[in-house]
Amino acid sequence: AAWTTGDRLKAAADKWGKKCIANSRFLWTDPTEINQALASGE
């Protein structure tokens, strides 16, 4: 999976990447974001 490239990578992005983004309330970059969101139940 880590070494997947080309059309297979693009197909996976279309199938899985988009779904992951759509389902995420936000994509985090700082762990304090999820600490606070999990603590509040958001």
PDB file of all heavy atoms in Angstrom:
ATOM      1  N   ALA A   1       0.828  -1.202   0.000  1.00  0.00           N
ATOM      2  CA  ALA A   1       0.000   0.000   0.000  1.00  0.00           C
ATOM      3  C   ALA A   1       0.866   1.257   0.000  1.00  0.00           C
ATOM      4  O   ALA A   1       0.585   2.227  -0.713  1.00  0.00           O
ATOM      5  CB  ALA A   1      -0.926  -0.003   1.208  1.00  0.00           C
ATOM      6  N   ALA A   2       1.931   1.238   0.799  1.00  0.00           N
ATOM      7  CA  ALA A   2       2.810   2.411   0.899  1.00  0.00           C
ATOM      8  C   ALA A   2       3.528   2.702  -0.416  1.00  0.00           C
ATOM      9  O   ALA A   2       3.841   3.859  -0.714  1.00  0.00           O
ATOM     10  CB  ALA A   2       3.829   2.194   2.010  1.00  0.00           C
ATOM     11  N   TRP A   3       3.781   1.660  -1.211  1.00  0.00           N
ATOM     12  CA  TRP A   3       4.510   1.820  -2.470  1.00  0.00           C
ATOM     13  C   TRP A   3       3.582   1.906  -3.686  1.00  0.00           C
ATOM     14  O   TRP A   3       4.042   1.920  -4.826  1.00  0.00           O
ATOM     15  CB  TRP A   3       5.505   0.677  -2.657  1.00  0.00           C
ATOM     16  CG  TRP A   3       6.748   0.839  -1.844  1.00  0.00           C
ATOM     17  CD1 TRP A   3       6.945   0.479  -0.550  1.00  0.00           C
ATOM     18  CD2 TRP A   3       7.985   1.435  -2.273  1.00  0.00           C
ATOM     19  NE1 TRP A   3       8.220   0.806  -0.135  1.00  0.00           N
ATOM     20  CE2 TRP A   3       8.883   1.384  -1.175  1.00  0.00           C
ATOM     21  CE3 TRP A   3       8.420   1.994  -3.477  1.00  0.00           C
ATOM     22  CZ2 TRP A   3      10.186   1.886  -1.243  1.00  0.00           C
ATOM     23  CZ3 TRP A   3       9.724   2.494  -3.553  1.00  0.00           C
ATOM     24  CH2 TRP A   3      10.592   2.434  -2.443  1.00  0.00           C
ATOM     25  N   THR A   4       2.286   1.990  -3.460  1.00  0.00           N
ATOM     26  CA  THR A   4       1.330   2.077  -4.572  1.00  0.00           C
ATOM     27  C   THR A   4       1.461   3.402  -5.314  1.00  0.00           C
ATOM     28  O   THR A   4       1.544   4.464  -4.692  1.00  0.00           O
ATOM     29  CB  THR A   4      -0.115   1.913  -4.053  1.00  0.00           C
ATOM     30  OG1 THR A   4      -0.266   0.603  -3.509  1.00  0.00           O
ATOM     31  CG2 THR A   4      -1.129   2.113  -5.164  1.00  0.00           C
ATOM     32  N   THR A   5       1.482   3.335  -6.630  1.00  0.00           N
ATOM     33  CA  THR A   5       1.635   4.537  -7.456  1.00  0.00           C
ATOM     34  C   THR A   5       0.698   4.467  -8.666  1.00  0.00           C
ATOM     35  O   THR A   5      -0.058   3.524  -8.835  1.00  0.00           O
ATOM     36  CB  THR A   5       3.077   4.683  -7.962  1.00  0.00           C
ATOM     37  OG1 THR A   5       3.429   3.505  -8.718  1.00  0.00           O
ATOM     38  CG2 THR A   5       4.058   4.848  -6.821  1.00  0.00           C
ATOM     39  N   GLY A   6       0.779   5.486  -9.502  1.00  0.00           N
ATOM     40  CA  GLY A   6       0.077   5.489 -10.789  1.00  0.00           C
ATOM     41  C   GLY A   6      -1.436   5.451 -10.676  1.00  0.00           C
ATOM     42  O   GLY A   6      -2.037   6.005  -9.759  1.00  0.00           O
ATOM     43  N   ASP A   7      -2.052   4.756 -11.628  1.00  0.00           N
ATOM     44  CA  ASP A   7      -3.513   4.703 -11.700  1.00  0.00           C
ATOM     45  C   ASP A   7      -4.120   4.054 -10.464  1.00  0.00           C
ATOM     46  O   ASP A   7      -5.215   4.427 -10.034  1.00  0.00           O
ATOM     47  CB  ASP A   7      -3.942   3.936 -12.956  1.00  0.00           C
ATOM     48  CG  ASP A   7      -3.636   4.694 -14.239  1.00  0.00           C
ATOM     49  OD1 ASP A   7      -3.441   5.923 -14.154  1.00  0.00           O
ATOM     50  OD2 ASP A   7      -3.577   4.049 -15.305  1.00  0.00           O
ATOM     51  N   ARG A   8      -3.400   3.075  -9.905  1.00  0.00           N
ATOM     52  CA  ARG A   8      -3.930   2.396  -8.728  1.00  0.00           C
ATOM     53  C   ARG A   8      -3.996   3.353  -7.541  1.00  0.00           C
ATOM     54  O   ARG A   8      -4.933   3.294  -6.742  1.00  0.00           O
ATOM     55  CB  ARG A   8      -3.054   1.188  -8.393  1.00  0.00           C
ATOM     56  CG  ARG A   8      -3.721   0.198  -7.453  1.00  0.00           C
ATOM     57  CD  ARG A   8      -2.953  -1.103  -7.366  1.00  0.00           C
ATOM     58  NE  ARG A   8      -3.699  -2.110  -6.633  1.00  0.00           N
ATOM     59  CZ  ARG A   8      -3.259  -3.346  -6.408  1.00  0.00           C
ATOM     60  NH1 ARG A   8      -2.072  -3.718  -6.877  1.00  0.00           N
ATOM     61  NH2 ARG A   8      -3.992  -4.200  -5.732  1.00  0.00           N
ATOM     62  N   LEU A   9      -3.005   4.225  -7.417  1.00  0.00           N
ATOM     63  CA  LEU A   9      -3.012   5.216  -6.338  1.00  0.00           C
ATOM     64  C   LEU A   9      -4.154   6.207  -6.541  1.00  0.00           C
ATOM     65  O   LEU A   9      -4.865   6.544  -5.587  1.00  0.00           O
ATOM     66  CB  LEU A   9      -1.670   5.951  -6.295  1.00  0.00           C
ATOM     67  CG  LEU A   9      -1.538   7.070  -5.261  1.00  0.00           C
ATOM     68  CD1 LEU A   9      -1.659   6.513  -3.845  1.00  0.00           C
ATOM     69  CD2 LEU A   9      -0.204   7.812  -5.421  1.00  0.00           C
ATOM     70  N   LYS A  10      -4.340   6.656  -7.768  1.00  0.00           N
ATOM     71  CA  LYS A  10      -5.407   7.620  -8.055  1.00  0.00           C
ATOM     72  C   LYS A  10      -6.781   7.006  -7.809  1.00  0.00           C
ATOM     73  O   LYS A  10      -7.694   7.659  -7.290  1.00  0.00           O
ATOM     74  CB  LYS A  10      -5.296   8.106  -9.500  1.00  0.00           C
ATOM     75  CG  LYS A  10      -4.059   8.965  -9.760  1.00  0.00           C
ATOM     76  CD  LYS A  10      -3.966   9.375 -11.214  1.00  0.00           C
ATOM     77  CE  LYS A  10      -2.698  10.195 -11.470  1.00  0.00           C
ATOM     78  NZ  LYS A  10      -2.559  10.541 -12.908  1.00  0.00           N
ATOM     79  N   ALA A  11      -6.923   5.729  -8.160  1.00  0.00           N
ATOM     80  CA  ALA A  11      -8.203   5.052  -7.929  1.00  0.00           C
ATOM     81  C   ALA A  11      -8.475   4.911  -6.430  1.00  0.00           C
ATOM     82  O   ALA A  11      -9.614   5.088  -5.978  1.00  0.00           O
ATOM     83  CB  ALA A  11      -8.188   3.674  -8.600  1.00  0.00           C
ATOM     84  N   ALA A  12      -7.410   4.614  -5.671  1.00  0.00           N
ATOM     85  CA  ALA A  12      -7.559   4.489  -4.223  1.00  0.00           C
ATOM     86  C   ALA A  12      -7.899   5.841  -3.595  1.00  0.00           C
ATOM     87  O   ALA A  12      -8.694   5.918  -2.653  1.00  0.00           O
ATOM     88  CB  ALA A  12      -6.277   3.938  -3.615  1.00  0.00           C
ATOM     89  N   ALA A  13      -7.312   6.900  -4.130  1.00  0.00           N
ATOM     90  CA  ALA A  13      -7.604   8.241  -3.621  1.00  0.00           C
ATOM     91  C   ALA A  13      -9.060   8.590  -3.885  1.00  0.00           C
ATOM     92  O   ALA A  13      -9.736   9.203  -3.043  1.00  0.00           O
ATOM     93  CB  ALA A  13      -6.689   9.263  -4.284  1.00  0.00           C
ATOM     94  N   ASP A  14      -9.549   8.183  -5.047  1.00  0.00           N
ATOM     95  CA  ASP A  14     -10.930   8.474  -5.417  1.00  0.00           C
ATOM     96  C   ASP A  14     -11.903   7.676  -4.547  1.00  0.00           C
ATOM     97  O   ASP A  14     -12.942   8.194  -4.126  1.00  0.00           O
ATOM     98  CB  ASP A  14     -11.148   8.125  -6.897  1.00  0.00           C
ATOM     99  CG  ASP A  14     -12.478   8.647  -7.412  1.00  0.00           C
ATOM    100  OD1 ASP A  14     -12.728   9.861  -7.308  1.00  0.00           O
ATOM    101  OD2 ASP A  14     -13.281   7.829  -7.901  1.00  0.00           O
ATOM    102  N   LYS A  15     -11.553   6.429  -4.257  1.00  0.00           N
ATOM    103  CA  LYS A  15     -12.428   5.556  -3.471  1.00  0.00           C
ATOM    104  C   LYS A  15     -12.316   5.806  -1.972  1.00  0.00           C
ATOM    105  O   LYS A  15     -13.333   5.961  -1.284  1.00  0.00           O
ATOM    106  CB  LYS A  15     -12.104   4.100  -3.781  1.00  0.00           C
ATOM    107  CG  LYS A  15     -12.910   3.098  -2.955  1.00  0.00           C
ATOM    108  CD  LYS A  15     -12.494   1.659  -3.272  1.00  0.00           C
ATOM    109  CE  LYS A  15     -13.263   0.655  -2.418  1.00  0.00           C
ATOM    110  NZ  LYS A  15     -12.861  -0.754  -2.713  1.00  0.00           N
ATOM    111  N   TRP A  16     -11.090   5.832  -1.471  1.00  0.00           N
ATOM    112  CA  TRP A  16     -10.858   5.894  -0.032  1.00  0.00           C
ATOM    113  C   TRP A  16     -10.501   7.294   0.480  1.00  0.00           C
ATOM    114  O   TRP A  16     -10.970   7.713   1.537  1.00  0.00           O
ATOM    115  CB  TRP A  16      -9.754   4.919   0.368  1.00  0.00           C
ATOM    116  CG  TRP A  16     -10.085   3.484   0.111  1.00  0.00           C
ATOM    117  CD1 TRP A  16      -9.565   2.680  -0.860  1.00  0.00           C
ATOM    118  CD2 TRP A  16     -11.034   2.678   0.821  1.00  0.00           C
ATOM    119  NE1 TRP A  16     -10.114   1.420  -0.806  1.00  0.00           N
ATOM    120  CE2 TRP A  16     -11.013   1.392   0.230  1.00  0.00           C
ATOM    121  CE3 TRP A  16     -11.879   2.906   1.901  1.00  0.00           C
ATOM    122  CZ2 TRP A  16     -11.818   0.343   0.676  1.00  0.00           C
ATOM    123  CZ3 TRP A  16     -12.683   1.874   2.353  1.00  0.00           C
ATOM    124  CH2 TRP A  16     -12.647   0.610   1.743  1.00  0.00           C
ATOM    125  N   GLY A  17      -9.649   8.000  -0.262  1.00  0.00           N
ATOM    126  CA  GLY A  17      -9.220   9.319   0.186  1.00  0.00           C
ATOM    127  C   GLY A  17     -10.381  10.291   0.328  1.00  0.00           C
ATOM    128  O   GLY A  17     -10.516  10.988   1.340  1.00  0.00           O
ATOM    129  N   LYS A  18     -11.237  10.315  -0.690  1.00  0.00           N
ATOM    130  CA  LYS A  18     -12.385  11.227  -0.656  1.00  0.00           C
ATOM    131  C   LYS A  18     -13.343  10.886   0.490  1.00  0.00           C
ATOM    132  O   LYS A  18     -13.879  11.770   1.155  1.00  0.00           O
ATOM    133  CB  LYS A  18     -13.128  11.179  -1.986  1.00  0.00           C
ATOM    134  CG  LYS A  18     -12.383  11.837  -3.141  1.00  0.00           C
ATOM    135  CD  LYS A  18     -13.198  11.765  -4.424  1.00  0.00           C
ATOM    136  CE  LYS A  18     -12.479  12.435  -5.585  1.00  0.00           C
ATOM    137  NZ  LYS A  18     -13.244  12.340  -6.847  1.00  0.00           N
ATOM    138  N   LYS A  19     -13.554   9.589   0.712  1.00  0.00           N
ATOM    139  CA  LYS A  19     -14.457   9.169   1.773  1.00  0.00           C
ATOM    140  C   LYS A  19     -13.904   9.554   3.148  1.00  0.00           C
ATOM    141  O   LYS A  19     -14.637  10.015   4.024  1.00  0.00           O
ATOM    142  CB  LYS A  19     -14.668   7.651   1.706  1.00  0.00           C
ATOM    143  CG  LYS A  19     -15.502   7.061   2.832  1.00  0.00           C
ATOM    144  CD  LYS A  19     -16.920   7.628   2.871  1.00  0.00           C
ATOM    145  CE  LYS A  19     -17.757   7.114   1.720  1.00  0.00           C
ATOM    146  NZ  LYS A  19     -19.179   7.567   1.831  1.00  0.00           N
ATOM    147  N   CYS A  20     -12.596   9.377   3.329  1.00  0.00           N
ATOM    148  CA  CYS A  20     -11.948   9.722   4.595  1.00  0.00           C
ATOM    149  C   CYS A  20     -12.067  11.216   4.873  1.00  0.00           C
ATOM    150  O   CYS A  20     -12.372  11.633   5.997  1.00  0.00           O
ATOM    151  CB  CYS A  20     -10.479   9.298   4.530  1.00  0.00           C
ATOM    152  SG  CYS A  20      -9.531   9.647   6.008  1.00  0.00           S
ATOM    153  N   ILE A  21     -11.854  12.018   3.841  1.00  0.00           N
ATOM    154  CA  ILE A  21     -11.950  13.472   3.987  1.00  0.00           C
ATOM    155  C   ILE A  21     -13.383  13.884   4.290  1.00  0.00           C
ATOM    156  O   ILE A  21     -13.651  14.695   5.180  1.00  0.00           O
ATOM    157  CB  ILE A  21     -11.454  14.182   2.709  1.00  0.00           C
ATOM    158  CG1 ILE A  21      -9.955  13.937   2.512  1.00  0.00           C
ATOM    159  CG2 ILE A  21     -11.733  15.684   2.781  1.00  0.00           C
ATOM    160  CD1 ILE A  21      -9.422  14.400   1.164  1.00  0.00           C
ATOM    161  N   ALA A  22     -14.331  13.303   3.551  1.00  0.00           N
ATOM    162  CA  ALA A  22     -15.743  13.655   3.725  1.00  0.00           C
ATOM    163  C   ALA A  22     -16.250  13.289   5.115  1.00  0.00           C
ATOM    164  O   ALA A  22     -17.051  14.022   5.710  1.00  0.00           O
ATOM    165  CB  ALA A  22     -16.585  12.956   2.656  1.00  0.00           C
ATOM    166  N   ASN A  23     -15.784  12.172   5.660  1.00  0.00           N
ATOM    167  CA  ASN A  23     -16.265  11.725   6.965  1.00  0.00           C
ATOM    168  C   ASN A  23     -15.583  12.423   8.131  1.00  0.00           C
ATOM    169  O   ASN A  23     -16.101  12.431   9.249  1.00  0.00           O
ATOM    170  CB  ASN A  23     -16.078  10.212   7.109  1.00  0.00           C
ATOM    171  CG  ASN A  23     -17.159   9.429   6.375  1.00  0.00           C
ATOM    172  OD1 ASN A  23     -18.027  10.012   5.729  1.00  0.00           O
ATOM    173  ND2 ASN A  23     -17.104   8.115   6.464  1.00  0.00           N
ATOM    174  N   SER A  24     -14.409  12.984   7.883  1.00  0.00           N
ATOM    175  CA  SER A  24     -13.670  13.653   8.961  1.00  0.00           C
ATOM    176  C   SER A  24     -14.280  15.018   9.264  1.00  0.00           C
ATOM    177  O   SER A  24     -14.520  15.816   8.352  1.00  0.00           O
ATOM    178  CB  SER A  24     -12.202  13.828   8.577  1.00  0.00           C
ATOM    179  OG  SER A  24     -11.541  12.582   8.524  1.00  0.00           O
ATOM    180  N   ARG A  25     -14.515  15.255  10.530  1.00  0.00           N
ATOM    181  CA  ARG A  25     -15.013  16.584  10.924  1.00  0.00           C
ATOM    182  C   ARG A  25     -13.974  17.635  10.566  1.00  0.00           C
ATOM    183  O   ARG A  25     -14.305  18.751  10.161  1.00  0.00           O
ATOM    184  CB  ARG A  25     -15.332  16.614  12.420  1.00  0.00           C
ATOM    185  CG  ARG A  25     -16.041  17.879  12.865  1.00  0.00           C
ATOM    186  CD  ARG A  25     -16.594  17.745  14.257  1.00  0.00           C
ATOM    187  NE  ARG A  25     -17.383  18.897  14.653  1.00  0.00           N
ATOM    188  CZ  ARG A  25     -18.672  19.041  14.370  1.00  0.00           C
ATOM    189  NH1 ARG A  25     -19.302  18.115  13.683  1.00  0.00           N
ATOM    190  NH2 ARG A  25     -19.327  20.117  14.778  1.00  0.00           N
ATOM    191  N   PHE A  26     -12.720  17.261  10.717  1.00  0.00           N
ATOM    192  CA  PHE A  26     -11.600  18.094  10.273  1.00  0.00           C
ATOM    193  C   PHE A  26     -10.384  17.187  10.130  1.00  0.00           C
ATOM    194  O   PHE A  26     -10.294  16.137  10.781  1.00  0.00           O
ATOM    195  CB  PHE A  26     -11.307  19.238  11.256  1.00  0.00           C
ATOM    196  CG  PHE A  26     -11.052  18.792  12.665  1.00  0.00           C
ATOM    197  CD1 PHE A  26      -9.759  18.442  13.087  1.00  0.00           C
ATOM    198  CD2 PHE A  26     -12.084  18.724  13.594  1.00  0.00           C
ATOM    199  CE1 PHE A  26      -9.524  18.027  14.388  1.00  0.00           C
ATOM    200  CE2 PHE A  26     -11.854  18.308  14.902  1.00  0.00           C
ATOM    201  CZ  PHE A  26     -10.574  17.957  15.297  1.00  0.00           C
ATOM    202  N   LEU A  27      -9.456  17.566   9.275  1.00  0.00           N
ATOM    203  CA  LEU A  27      -8.177  16.881   9.145  1.00  0.00           C
ATOM    204  C   LEU A  27      -7.211  17.606  10.059  1.00  0.00           C
ATOM    205  O   LEU A  27      -6.995  18.815   9.910  1.00  0.00           O
ATOM    206  CB  LEU A  27      -7.684  16.917   7.689  1.00  0.00           C
ATOM    207  CG  LEU A  27      -8.549  16.184   6.666  1.00  0.00           C
ATOM    208  CD1 LEU A  27      -8.046  16.479   5.245  1.00  0.00           C
ATOM    209  CD2 LEU A  27      -8.557  14.678   6.910  1.00  0.00           C
ATOM    210  N   TRP A  28      -6.642  16.905  11.019  1.00  0.00           N
ATOM    211  CA  TRP A  28      -5.853  17.597  12.032  1.00  0.00           C
ATOM    212  C   TRP A  28      -4.365  17.667  11.682  1.00  0.00           C
ATOM    213  O   TRP A  28      -3.827  16.821  10.991  1.00  0.00           O
ATOM    214  CB  TRP A  28      -6.055  16.994  13.408  1.00  0.00           C
ATOM    215  CG  TRP A  28      -5.548  15.601  13.647  1.00  0.00           C
ATOM    216  CD1 TRP A  28      -6.223  14.425  13.491  1.00  0.00           C
ATOM    217  CD2 TRP A  28      -4.247  15.246  14.152  1.00  0.00           C
ATOM    218  NE1 TRP A  28      -5.432  13.361  13.847  1.00  0.00           N
ATOM    219  CE2 TRP A  28      -4.221  13.834  14.249  1.00  0.00           C
ATOM    220  CE3 TRP A  28      -3.118  15.966  14.520  1.00  0.00           C
ATOM    221  CZ2 TRP A  28      -3.094  13.131  14.718  1.00  0.00           C
ATOM    222  CZ3 TRP A  28      -2.000  15.282  14.978  1.00  0.00           C
ATOM    223  CH2 TRP A  28      -1.991  13.890  15.070  1.00  0.00           C
ATOM    224  N   THR A  29      -3.726  18.719  12.195  1.00  0.00           N
ATOM    225  CA  THR A  29      -2.289  18.915  12.038  1.00  0.00           C
ATOM    226  C   THR A  29      -1.592  19.104  13.379  1.00  0.00           C
ATOM    227  O   THR A  29      -0.381  18.974  13.477  1.00  0.00           O
ATOM    228  CB  THR A  29      -1.987  20.153  11.155  1.00  0.00           C
ATOM    229  OG1 THR A  29      -2.610  21.307  11.732  1.00  0.00           O
ATOM    230  CG2 THR A  29      -2.511  19.943   9.740  1.00  0.00           C
ATOM    231  N   ASP A  30      -2.363  19.415  14.413  1.00  0.00           N
ATOM    232  CA  ASP A  30      -1.846  19.633  15.764  1.00  0.00           C
ATOM    233  C   ASP A  30      -2.638  18.731  16.710  1.00  0.00           C
ATOM    234  O   ASP A  30      -3.871  18.801  16.728  1.00  0.00           O
ATOM    235  CB  ASP A  30      -2.014  21.104  16.156  1.00  0.00           C
ATOM    236  CG  ASP A  30      -1.402  21.446  17.505  1.00  0.00           C
ATOM    237  OD1 ASP A  30      -1.306  20.539  18.364  1.00  0.00           O
ATOM    238  OD2 ASP A  30      -1.029  22.610  17.720  1.00  0.00           O
ATOM    239  N   PRO A  31      -1.971  17.870  17.484  1.00  0.00           N
ATOM    240  CA  PRO A  31      -2.707  16.947  18.361  1.00  0.00           C
ATOM    241  C   PRO A  31      -3.628  17.615  19.370  1.00  0.00           C
ATOM    242  O   PRO A  31      -4.583  16.999  19.836  1.00  0.00           O
ATOM    243  CB  PRO A  31      -1.602  16.147  19.057  1.00  0.00           C
ATOM    244  CG  PRO A  31      -0.350  16.940  18.884  1.00  0.00           C
ATOM    245  CD  PRO A  31      -0.519  17.653  17.584  1.00  0.00           C
ATOM    246  N   THR A  32      -3.369  18.879  19.692  1.00  0.00           N
ATOM    247  CA  THR A  32      -4.265  19.561  20.628  1.00  0.00           C
ATOM    248  C   THR A  32      -5.675  19.685  20.043  1.00  0.00           C
ATOM    249  O   THR A  32      -6.656  19.747  20.799  1.00  0.00           O
ATOM    250  CB  THR A  32      -3.745  20.965  20.991  1.00  0.00           C
ATOM    251  OG1 THR A  32      -3.565  21.737  19.795  1.00  0.00           O
ATOM    252  CG2 THR A  32      -2.417  20.886  21.716  1.00  0.00           C
ATOM    253  N   GLU A  33      -5.779  19.694  18.720  1.00  0.00           N
ATOM    254  CA  GLU A  33      -7.091  19.785  18.069  1.00  0.00           C
ATOM    255  C   GLU A  33      -7.949  18.566  18.407  1.00  0.00           C
ATOM    256  O   GLU A  33      -9.127  18.693  18.758  1.00  0.00           O
ATOM    257  CB  GLU A  33      -6.924  19.876  16.553  1.00  0.00           C
ATOM    258  CG  GLU A  33      -6.211  21.111  16.044  1.00  0.00           C
ATOM    259  CD  GLU A  33      -5.999  21.068  14.536  1.00  0.00           C
ATOM    260  OE1 GLU A  33      -5.071  20.375  14.075  1.00  0.00           O
ATOM    261  OE2 GLU A  33      -6.788  21.720  13.809  1.00  0.00           O
ATOM    262  N   ILE A  34      -7.362  17.372  18.290  1.00  0.00           N
ATOM    263  CA  ILE A  34      -8.150  16.167  18.572  1.00  0.00           C
ATOM    264  C   ILE A  34      -8.295  15.934  20.067  1.00  0.00           C
ATOM    265  O   ILE A  34      -9.303  15.373  20.509  1.00  0.00           O
ATOM    266  CB  ILE A  34      -7.562  14.923  17.876  1.00  0.00           C
ATOM    267  CG1 ILE A  34      -6.066  14.753  18.205  1.00  0.00           C
ATOM    268  CG2 ILE A  34      -7.808  14.986  16.388  1.00  0.00           C
ATOM    269  CD1 ILE A  34      -5.510  13.406  17.764  1.00  0.00           C
ATOM    270  N   ASN A  35      -7.317  16.360  20.853  1.00  0.00           N
ATOM    271  CA  ASN A  35      -7.448  16.233  22.307  1.00  0.00           C
ATOM    272  C   ASN A  35      -8.695  16.969  22.787  1.00  0.00           C
ATOM    273  O   ASN A  35      -9.494  16.441  23.572  1.00  0.00           O
ATOM    274  CB  ASN A  35      -6.218  16.810  23.014  1.00  0.00           C
ATOM    275  CG  ASN A  35      -4.966  15.981  22.801  1.00  0.00           C
ATOM    276  OD1 ASN A  35      -5.020  14.884  22.249  1.00  0.00           O
ATOM    277  ND2 ASN A  35      -3.830  16.502  23.213  1.00  0.00           N
ATOM    278  N   GLN A  36      -8.854  18.191  22.309  1.00  0.00           N
ATOM    279  CA  GLN A  36      -9.985  19.012  22.723  1.00  0.00           C
ATOM    280  C   GLN A  36     -11.298  18.470  22.168  1.00  0.00           C
ATOM    281  O   GLN A  36     -12.314  18.435  22.864  1.00  0.00           O
ATOM    282  CB  GLN A  36      -9.768  20.460  22.270  1.00  0.00           C
ATOM    283  CG  GLN A  36      -8.601  21.143  22.960  1.00  0.00           C
ATOM    284  CD  GLN A  36      -8.208  22.462  22.322  1.00  0.00           C
ATOM    285  OE1 GLN A  36      -8.815  22.888  21.340  1.00  0.00           O
ATOM    286  NE2 GLN A  36      -7.188  23.105  22.865  1.00  0.00           N
ATOM    287  N   ALA A  37     -11.264  18.027  20.897  1.00  0.00           N
ATOM    288  CA  ALA A  37     -12.490  17.540  20.254  1.00  0.00           C
ATOM    289  C   ALA A  37     -12.967  16.221  20.873  1.00  0.00           C
ATOM    290  O   ALA A  37     -14.169  16.002  21.036  1.00  0.00           O
ATOM    291  CB  ALA A  37     -12.273  17.380  18.754  1.00  0.00           C
ATOM    292  N   LEU A  38     -12.028  15.340  21.222  1.00  0.00           N
ATOM    293  CA  LEU A  38     -12.391  14.090  21.879  1.00  0.00           C
ATOM    294  C   LEU A  38     -12.891  14.353  23.296  1.00  0.00           C
ATOM    295  O   LEU A  38     -13.848  13.732  23.759  1.00  0.00           O
ATOM    296  CB  LEU A  38     -11.191  13.140  21.918  1.00  0.00           C
ATOM    297  CG  LEU A  38     -10.853  12.394  20.627  1.00  0.00           C
ATOM    298  CD1 LEU A  38      -9.473  11.751  20.721  1.00  0.00           C
ATOM    299  CD2 LEU A  38     -11.907  11.332  20.311  1.00  0.00           C
ATOM    300  N   ALA A  39     -12.256  15.280  23.976  1.00  0.00           N
ATOM    301  CA  ALA A  39     -12.648  15.604  25.356  1.00  0.00           C
ATOM    302  C   ALA A  39     -14.067  16.149  25.417  1.00  0.00           C
ATOM    303  O   ALA A  39     -14.837  15.820  26.328  1.00  0.00           O
ATOM    304  CB  ALA A  39     -11.661  16.602  25.960  1.00  0.00           C
ATOM    305  N   SER A  40     -14.431  16.977  24.450  1.00  0.00           N
ATOM    306  CA  SER A  40     -15.763  17.592  24.439  1.00  0.00           C
ATOM    307  C   SER A  40     -16.820  16.678  23.848  1.00  0.00           C
ATOM    308  O   SER A  40     -18.027  16.930  24.013  1.00  0.00           O
ATOM    309  CB  SER A  40     -15.725  18.898  23.634  1.00  0.00           C
ATOM    310  OG  SER A  40     -15.509  18.616  22.248  1.00  0.00           O
ATOM    311  N   GLY A  41     -16.394  15.622  23.148  1.00  0.00           N
ATOM    312  CA  GLY A  41     -17.349  14.735  22.491  1.00  0.00           C
ATOM    313  C   GLY A  41     -17.719  15.205  21.103  1.00  0.00           C
ATOM    314  O   GLY A  41     -18.596  14.623  20.446  1.00  0.00           O
ATOM    315  N   GLU A  42     -17.047  16.248  20.630  1.00  0.00           N
ATOM    316  CA  GLU A  42     -17.293  16.743  19.270  1.00  0.00           C
ATOM    317  C   GLU A  42     -17.002  15.631  18.249  1.00  0.00           C
ATOM    318  O   GLU A  42     -17.691  15.498  17.240  1.00  0.00           O
ATOM    319  CB  GLU A  42     -16.409  17.964  18.989  1.00  0.00           C
ATOM    320  CG  GLU A  42     -16.561  18.531  17.590  1.00  0.00           C
ATOM    321  CD  GLU A  42     -15.585  19.658  17.305  1.00  0.00           C
ATOM    322  OE1 GLU A  42     -14.803  20.033  18.214  1.00  0.00           O
ATOM    323  OE2 GLU A  42     -15.590  20.163  16.163  1.00  0.00           O
TER     324      GLU A  42
END
